[in-house]
Protein backbone atom coordinates (compact mmCIF):
# COMPACT_ATOMS: atom_id res chain seq x y z
CA MET A 1 -46.52 -73.88 -53.51
CA TYR A 2 -43.81 -72.83 -55.95
CA THR A 3 -44.31 -71.81 -59.56
CA LEU A 4 -41.77 -72.67 -62.24
CA TYR A 5 -41.86 -70.35 -65.26
CA VAL A 6 -40.55 -72.04 -68.39
CA ASN A 7 -40.37 -71.83 -72.15
CA SER A 8 -41.14 -75.02 -74.04
CA MET A 9 -38.12 -74.49 -76.35
CA SER A 10 -35.63 -73.90 -73.55
CA PRO A 11 -33.28 -76.79 -72.60
CA TYR A 12 -32.76 -75.21 -69.19
CA SER A 13 -36.52 -75.20 -68.65
CA SER A 14 -36.65 -78.90 -69.53
CA LYS A 15 -33.79 -79.53 -67.10
CA ALA A 16 -35.44 -77.60 -64.24
CA SER A 17 -38.87 -79.13 -64.83
CA ALA A 18 -37.57 -82.69 -64.61
CA LEU A 19 -35.23 -81.94 -61.72
CA LEU A 20 -37.94 -80.28 -59.62
CA GLY A 21 -40.39 -83.03 -60.50
CA TYR A 22 -37.94 -85.62 -59.24
CA ALA A 23 -37.03 -83.52 -56.18
CA GLY A 24 -40.67 -83.54 -55.09
CA LEU A 25 -41.02 -79.82 -54.37
CA PRO A 26 -44.69 -78.70 -54.47
CA CYS A 27 -44.58 -76.88 -57.77
CA GLU A 28 -46.88 -75.81 -60.56
CA LEU A 29 -45.76 -75.09 -64.10
CA GLU A 30 -46.42 -71.89 -66.03
CA HIS A 31 -45.24 -71.04 -69.52
CA GLN A 32 -43.92 -67.52 -69.81
CA ASN A 33 -45.60 -65.16 -72.27
CA VAL A 34 -45.17 -61.59 -73.41
CA VAL A 35 -47.02 -60.33 -70.31
CA THR A 36 -45.44 -62.43 -67.54
CA ARG A 37 -42.04 -61.94 -69.14
CA TYR A 38 -42.02 -58.35 -67.84
CA THR A 39 -44.68 -58.15 -65.13
CA VAL A 40 -43.31 -61.17 -63.26
CA LEU A 41 -39.89 -62.35 -64.43
CA LYS A 42 -38.27 -58.97 -65.11
CA ARG A 43 -39.81 -57.43 -62.01
CA LEU A 44 -38.73 -60.20 -59.65
CA THR A 45 -35.31 -61.15 -61.03
CA GLY A 46 -34.22 -58.15 -63.08
CA ASP A 47 -34.01 -60.37 -66.18
CA THR A 48 -36.33 -62.12 -68.60
CA MET A 49 -34.48 -65.43 -68.75
CA VAL A 50 -36.18 -68.71 -67.89
CA PRO A 51 -36.48 -70.91 -65.97
CA VAL A 52 -37.57 -68.92 -62.94
CA LEU A 53 -38.69 -70.50 -59.68
CA ARG A 54 -41.07 -68.29 -57.72
CA ARG A 55 -42.87 -68.30 -54.42
CA GLY A 56 -44.71 -65.06 -53.76
CA GLU A 57 -42.24 -62.19 -54.09
CA TRP A 58 -39.24 -64.52 -53.78
CA ALA A 59 -37.74 -65.77 -57.05
CA ILE A 60 -34.53 -67.18 -58.50
CA ASN A 61 -33.51 -67.77 -62.09
CA ASP A 62 -30.78 -69.88 -63.73
CA SER A 63 -31.18 -73.66 -63.80
CA SER A 64 -28.01 -74.30 -61.78
CA ARG A 65 -29.16 -71.99 -58.98
CA ILE A 66 -32.54 -73.71 -59.04
CA ALA A 67 -30.77 -77.07 -58.83
CA ARG A 68 -28.77 -75.98 -55.78
CA PHE A 69 -31.94 -74.73 -54.12
CA ALA A 70 -33.70 -78.03 -54.84
CA ILE A 71 -30.77 -79.91 -53.31
CA SER A 72 -31.18 -77.91 -50.11
CA GLN A 73 -34.92 -78.59 -49.92
CA SER A 74 -35.47 -82.10 -51.27
CA SER A 75 -35.49 -85.35 -49.35
CA ARG A 76 -34.35 -87.10 -52.53
CA PRO A 77 -30.64 -87.08 -53.36
CA LEU A 78 -29.50 -85.06 -56.38
CA LEU A 79 -25.76 -85.49 -55.89
CA PRO A 80 -23.63 -88.65 -55.66
CA GLU A 81 -23.50 -90.37 -52.28
CA ARG A 82 -19.70 -90.15 -52.26
CA GLU A 83 -18.70 -86.57 -51.52
CA ALA A 84 -15.59 -86.88 -53.67
CA LEU A 85 -17.77 -87.37 -56.75
CA GLU A 86 -19.70 -84.13 -56.31
CA PRO A 87 -17.25 -81.91 -58.24
CA VAL A 88 -17.16 -84.50 -61.03
CA CYS A 89 -20.95 -84.35 -61.17
CA TRP A 90 -20.97 -80.54 -61.29
CA LEU A 91 -18.34 -80.54 -64.07
CA LEU A 92 -20.59 -82.72 -66.23
CA GLU A 93 -23.49 -80.39 -65.46
CA GLU A 94 -21.34 -77.46 -66.60
CA PHE A 95 -20.33 -79.32 -69.77
CA ALA A 96 -23.95 -80.03 -70.67
CA ASP A 97 -25.18 -76.52 -69.87
CA GLU A 98 -22.39 -74.64 -71.62
CA TRP A 99 -21.06 -76.86 -74.42
CA LEU A 100 -23.74 -79.36 -75.44
CA THR A 101 -26.11 -76.43 -75.74
CA ARG A 102 -23.92 -75.08 -78.56
CA TRP A 103 -24.40 -78.00 -80.91
CA VAL A 104 -28.04 -78.41 -79.90
CA ALA A 105 -28.73 -74.74 -80.69
CA HIS A 106 -26.64 -74.85 -83.87
CA SER A 107 -28.75 -77.69 -85.21
CA ARG A 108 -31.97 -75.92 -84.21
CA TRP A 109 -31.10 -72.60 -85.84
CA HIS A 110 -29.30 -73.82 -88.98
CA HIS A 111 -31.87 -76.21 -90.46
CA ARG A 112 -34.89 -74.70 -92.19
CA ASP A 113 -37.51 -77.08 -90.77
CA ASP A 114 -36.13 -76.67 -87.25
CA VAL A 115 -36.13 -72.88 -87.48
CA ALA A 116 -39.73 -72.83 -88.71
CA ALA A 117 -40.94 -75.18 -85.97
CA THR A 118 -39.09 -73.28 -83.25
CA ARG A 119 -40.30 -69.89 -84.45
CA GLU A 120 -43.89 -71.13 -84.50
CA ALA A 121 -43.69 -72.67 -81.03
CA ILE A 122 -42.14 -69.55 -79.50
CA GLY A 123 -44.70 -67.30 -81.16
CA GLU A 124 -47.66 -69.32 -79.92
CA GLU A 125 -46.34 -69.48 -76.39
CA MET A 126 -45.40 -65.82 -76.14
CA ALA A 127 -48.73 -64.67 -77.59
CA ALA A 128 -50.66 -66.33 -74.75
CA GLY A 129 -53.73 -66.88 -76.91
CA VAL A 130 -53.91 -63.36 -78.36
CA PRO A 131 -54.83 -63.93 -82.02
CA GLY A 132 -52.87 -62.48 -84.91
CA VAL A 133 -49.57 -61.84 -83.14
CA GLU A 134 -48.02 -65.30 -82.99
CA ARG A 135 -46.07 -65.00 -86.24
CA ALA A 136 -44.72 -61.53 -85.48
CA LEU A 137 -43.65 -62.52 -81.96
CA GLY A 138 -42.04 -65.69 -83.25
CA ARG A 139 -39.99 -63.87 -85.87
CA PHE A 140 -39.00 -61.08 -83.49
CA SER A 141 -37.89 -63.52 -80.80
CA ALA A 142 -36.03 -65.68 -83.32
CA ARG A 143 -33.97 -62.75 -84.57
CA GLY A 144 -32.92 -61.82 -81.05
CA ILE A 145 -32.05 -65.39 -80.14
CA LYS A 146 -29.95 -66.00 -83.26
CA THR A 147 -27.99 -62.78 -82.74
CA SER A 148 -27.11 -63.67 -79.16
CA LEU A 149 -26.18 -67.24 -80.11
CA GLU A 150 -23.80 -66.17 -82.85
CA ALA A 151 -21.62 -64.31 -80.35
CA GLY A 152 -21.06 -67.61 -78.53
CA GLY A 153 -19.88 -69.37 -81.68
CA ILE A 154 -23.21 -70.89 -82.69
CA ARG A 155 -22.83 -69.92 -86.34
CA SER A 156 -22.38 -71.56 -89.71
CA ASP A 157 -18.57 -71.36 -89.86
CA ASN A 158 -18.39 -73.60 -86.76
CA ARG A 159 -20.63 -76.25 -88.24
CA GLU A 160 -17.96 -78.95 -88.61
CA ALA A 161 -16.55 -78.47 -85.10
CA LEU A 162 -19.98 -78.64 -83.47
CA GLU A 163 -21.21 -81.54 -85.59
CA GLN A 164 -18.14 -83.62 -84.80
CA SER A 165 -18.53 -82.89 -81.09
CA ARG A 166 -22.18 -83.95 -81.31
CA VAL A 167 -21.30 -87.29 -82.88
CA ARG A 168 -18.58 -88.07 -80.35
CA THR A 169 -20.76 -87.10 -77.37
CA LEU A 170 -23.83 -89.05 -78.47
CA GLU A 171 -21.79 -92.15 -79.27
CA THR A 172 -20.14 -91.99 -75.85
CA LEU A 173 -23.45 -91.58 -74.01
CA GLU A 174 -25.06 -94.36 -76.03
CA SER A 175 -22.21 -96.70 -75.13
CA LEU A 176 -22.51 -95.89 -71.41
CA LEU A 177 -26.25 -96.42 -71.41
CA GLU A 178 -25.99 -99.68 -73.34
CA GLU A 179 -23.68 -100.93 -70.60
CA GLY A 180 -26.47 -100.43 -68.07
CA GLN A 181 -25.45 -97.18 -66.41
CA GLY A 182 -28.48 -94.94 -66.51
CA ASP A 183 -27.56 -92.06 -64.28
CA TRP A 184 -23.75 -91.87 -64.43
CA PHE A 185 -23.08 -91.98 -60.68
CA GLU A 186 -25.87 -93.71 -58.79
CA SER A 187 -29.08 -95.65 -59.36
CA TYR A 188 -30.89 -92.29 -59.13
CA PRO A 189 -30.55 -89.21 -61.38
CA THR A 190 -28.20 -86.45 -60.31
CA VAL A 191 -27.89 -82.83 -61.43
CA ALA A 192 -25.55 -84.04 -64.19
CA ALA A 193 -28.23 -86.37 -65.52
CA PHE A 194 -30.86 -83.61 -65.57
CA ALA A 195 -28.49 -81.20 -67.33
CA LEU A 196 -27.81 -83.77 -70.04
CA TYR A 197 -31.53 -84.51 -70.24
CA GLY A 198 -32.42 -80.85 -70.78
CA GLN A 199 -30.18 -80.51 -73.82
CA LEU A 200 -30.88 -83.91 -75.40
CA GLU A 201 -34.63 -83.75 -74.83
CA GLN A 202 -34.76 -80.45 -76.70
CA TYR A 203 -32.57 -81.85 -79.47
CA ARG A 204 -34.87 -84.80 -80.09
CA ARG A 205 -37.90 -82.48 -80.26
CA ASP A 206 -36.55 -80.77 -83.37
CA PRO A 207 -37.16 -82.33 -86.80
CA THR A 208 -33.45 -82.80 -87.51
CA GLY A 209 -32.59 -83.99 -84.02
CA ALA A 210 -35.52 -86.42 -83.96
CA LYS A 211 -34.24 -88.15 -87.11
CA ARG A 212 -30.68 -88.40 -85.84
CA MET A 213 -31.66 -89.64 -82.39
CA ARG A 214 -33.18 -92.77 -83.92
CA SER A 215 -29.63 -94.07 -84.09
CA TYR A 216 -29.33 -93.88 -80.30
CA PRO A 217 -32.07 -96.08 -78.80
CA ALA A 218 -30.45 -96.38 -75.36
CA ILE A 219 -30.36 -92.60 -75.03
CA GLY A 220 -33.98 -92.48 -76.14
CA GLU A 221 -35.11 -94.93 -73.47
CA TRP A 222 -33.19 -92.98 -70.82
CA LEU A 223 -34.78 -89.70 -71.95
CA ASP A 224 -38.23 -91.29 -71.84
CA ARG A 225 -37.70 -92.25 -68.21
CA LEU A 226 -36.60 -88.78 -67.14
CA GLU A 227 -39.38 -87.19 -69.17
CA GLN A 228 -41.91 -88.93 -66.92
CA MET A 229 -40.51 -86.96 -63.99
CA THR A 230 -41.26 -83.54 -65.49
CA LEU A 231 -43.82 -81.12 -64.09
CA PRO A 232 -46.73 -80.67 -63.69
CA HIS A 233 -47.47 -84.36 -63.01
CA PRO A 234 -44.14 -86.05 -62.30
CA VAL A 235 -43.83 -89.80 -61.99
CA VAL A 236 -40.54 -90.89 -60.41
CA VAL A 237 -39.52 -94.20 -61.90
CA ASP A 238 -37.04 -96.11 -59.76
CA ARG A 239 -34.38 -98.02 -61.63
CA THR A 240 -31.56 -100.27 -60.53
CA SER A 241 -28.40 -99.79 -62.57
CA ARG A 242 -24.85 -101.03 -62.30
CA SER A 243 -22.37 -98.91 -60.40
CA LEU A 244 -20.33 -96.72 -62.73
CA GLU A 245 -16.58 -97.12 -62.73
CA LEU A 246 -14.77 -93.78 -62.81
CA GLN A 247 -12.72 -94.65 -65.88
CA GLN A 248 -15.93 -95.02 -67.87
CA LEU A 249 -16.30 -91.25 -67.67
CA ASN A 250 -12.95 -90.59 -69.35
CA PRO A 251 -14.40 -90.29 -72.90
CA LEU A 252 -16.81 -87.60 -71.67
CA PHE A 253 -14.00 -85.72 -69.97
CA ALA A 254 -11.83 -86.09 -73.07
CA GLU A 255 -14.59 -84.29 -74.96
CA LEU A 256 -14.95 -81.64 -72.25
CA PHE A 257 -11.23 -80.83 -72.11
CA GLY A 258 -10.78 -81.16 -75.85
CA THR A 259 -13.51 -78.62 -76.61
CA TYR A 260 -15.03 -76.50 -73.86
CA TRP A 261 -11.86 -76.26 -71.74
CA ARG A 262 -9.82 -75.11 -74.73
CA VAL A 263 -12.41 -72.46 -75.54
CA LEU A 264 -12.37 -71.21 -71.94
CA LEU A 265 -8.58 -70.89 -71.84
CA GLU A 266 -8.27 -69.24 -75.24
CA ASN A 267 -11.05 -66.82 -74.33
CA ALA A 268 -9.07 -65.80 -71.23
CA ARG A 269 -5.93 -65.32 -73.33
CA ALA A 270 -7.78 -63.28 -75.94
CA ARG A 271 -9.44 -61.11 -73.31
CA GLU A 272 -6.03 -60.50 -71.71
CA ARG A 273 -4.75 -59.32 -75.11
CA GLY A 274 -7.79 -57.10 -75.63
CA ASP A 275 -9.06 -59.06 -78.66
CA ASP A 276 -12.70 -59.03 -79.69
CA GLU A 277 -12.68 -62.39 -81.47
CA ALA A 278 -11.01 -65.68 -80.61
CA SER A 279 -10.30 -68.96 -82.36
CA VAL A 280 -8.92 -72.27 -81.12
CA SER A 281 -8.24 -75.73 -82.48
CA LEU A 282 -10.37 -78.42 -80.83
CA LEU A 283 -9.25 -81.98 -80.08
CA ASP A 284 -9.93 -83.21 -83.63
CA GLY A 285 -8.14 -80.28 -85.27
CA THR A 286 -11.24 -78.35 -86.30
CA ARG A 287 -11.32 -74.62 -85.57
CA PHE A 288 -13.93 -72.98 -83.37
CA GLU A 289 -14.46 -69.20 -83.43
CA TRP A 290 -16.46 -66.92 -81.14
CA SER A 291 -16.69 -63.41 -79.70
CA VAL A 292 -14.54 -62.95 -76.60
CA SER A 293 -16.72 -62.57 -73.53
CA ARG A 294 -16.53 -61.82 -69.85
CA TYR A 295 -19.11 -64.54 -69.29
CA LEU A 296 -16.67 -67.25 -70.42
CA VAL A 297 -14.07 -65.88 -68.01
CA GLN A 298 -16.62 -66.44 -65.25
CA ARG A 299 -17.25 -69.98 -66.50
CA LEU A 300 -13.51 -70.67 -66.42
CA GLN A 301 -13.52 -69.69 -62.75
CA VAL A 302 -16.35 -72.17 -62.11
CA VAL A 303 -14.51 -75.00 -63.87
CA LEU A 304 -11.28 -74.22 -62.01
CA ASP A 305 -13.15 -74.32 -58.69
CA GLN A 306 -14.41 -77.81 -59.50
CA LEU A 307 -10.94 -78.94 -60.59
CA GLU A 308 -9.52 -77.59 -57.33
CA THR A 309 -11.98 -79.73 -55.39
CA ILE A 310 -11.22 -82.78 -57.53
CA CYS A 311 -7.50 -82.34 -56.79
CA ARG A 312 -8.24 -82.43 -53.06
CA TYR A 313 -9.49 -85.97 -53.63
CA ASP A 314 -6.72 -86.93 -56.05
CA ASP A 315 -6.02 -90.17 -54.18
CA VAL A 316 -9.62 -91.23 -54.76
CA LEU A 317 -10.46 -89.73 -58.15
CA LEU A 318 -7.27 -89.49 -60.18
CA GLY A 319 -4.78 -92.01 -61.46
CA GLU A 320 -4.78 -95.55 -62.79
CA GLY A 321 -8.27 -97.02 -63.07
CA ARG A 322 -9.85 -93.63 -62.33
CA LEU A 323 -10.17 -90.29 -64.09
CA ARG A 324 -7.20 -89.64 -66.36
CA LEU A 325 -7.12 -85.85 -66.34
CA GLU A 326 -3.33 -85.75 -66.67
CA GLY A 327 -3.38 -86.44 -70.39
CA LEU A 328 -6.39 -84.24 -70.96
CA LEU A 329 -4.88 -81.25 -69.20
CA SER A 330 -1.21 -81.70 -70.08
CA GLU A 331 -1.05 -79.50 -73.18
CA GLN A 332 -3.30 -76.72 -71.92
CA GLY A 333 -3.04 -77.09 -68.15
CA GLU A 334 0.72 -76.99 -67.81
CA ARG A 335 0.77 -73.69 -69.66
CA LEU A 336 -1.79 -72.11 -67.37
CA SER A 337 0.76 -70.94 -64.80
CA ASP A 338 2.88 -69.42 -67.60
CA GLU A 339 0.08 -67.22 -68.86
CA PRO A 340 -0.16 -63.59 -67.64
CA PHE A 341 -3.47 -64.43 -65.99
CA GLY A 342 -2.31 -67.85 -64.73
CA PRO A 343 -0.90 -66.86 -61.32
CA ARG A 344 -4.05 -64.90 -60.52
CA LEU A 345 -6.20 -67.94 -61.26
CA LEU A 346 -4.04 -70.43 -59.40
CA GLU A 347 -3.01 -68.50 -56.30
CA SER A 348 -6.37 -69.22 -54.66
CA ARG A 349 -6.33 -72.84 -55.85
CA PRO A 350 -3.27 -74.42 -54.21
CA ASP A 351 -4.37 -78.03 -54.70
CA LEU A 352 -4.82 -77.55 -58.44
CA LEU A 353 -1.45 -75.79 -58.68
CA ARG A 354 0.23 -78.60 -56.75
CA TRP A 355 -1.35 -81.19 -58.99
CA LEU A 356 -0.39 -79.39 -62.22
CA GLU A 357 3.21 -79.07 -61.04
CA SER A 358 3.51 -82.66 -59.80
């Protein structure tokens, strides 16, 4: 029996709980508190982040690592049947985990009612029933969370950029779901679906998000179905949906490369220059600012790895009637080899280099 440690206000916990419920691993759910945070999570993983999947003295954290472990153990598929679609699936998972989380968190921490509800929920959970400490724990945790989020650009001066990205993303997802495609690749949910679920489920729990999500009924119905799969008592609901045509994903990838990709590249440039802060214009012309980080350099490597794999299947994935990455990458991608760091990034990715130069 495994144990999944979660926090009720964590989108990655929501993602892991639904994914493991669907995967069918024997798993119980436990909400972290101020005691288990250090006696279990910190001791076993060296960190206090959730979710954490544990079995005895073995443990892993990070929702993507948990997803990969579930894939290796489950009899249910969590990736597309067609191998060529796997990197596309993982790119959407990355987009949800690393970009959608920015506008979800911005909404949560920049609206008074949302902040109050989040602070109260965190305090109650962390206190583990000890009376009189909920409020103090909630405020203490909230301060730490807001400080860490601001470094990643989740701050008031990026409000317009994040709000516009939210609107575009939700309208795109609503359109796809209205057309009958419930899980993006197959008739079953993949890791991409669970990553999107984790962020959007948390968003609709907040007072502000709940009001806005009323405008997206198809997304709501889809979230309801995946919510039934969450631990501790998952119910897997089979659903037959139409096969998704690759070109239907182009609006999502336009958003990915018009926002997250630009941030990743500008972060690499700024780090190469030795800058502490970075700023870039997103696809709609709005500016996004953040603190330069080594973590985003690591995320760029992950995205480039997936693009390298996609380029190996260019005859299947790219071109007319398929993914149109040429236009999305043209402005930023063609310049990659001209950057000081470009050759280092591309020398181990020959298929991506060939594709960019073709």
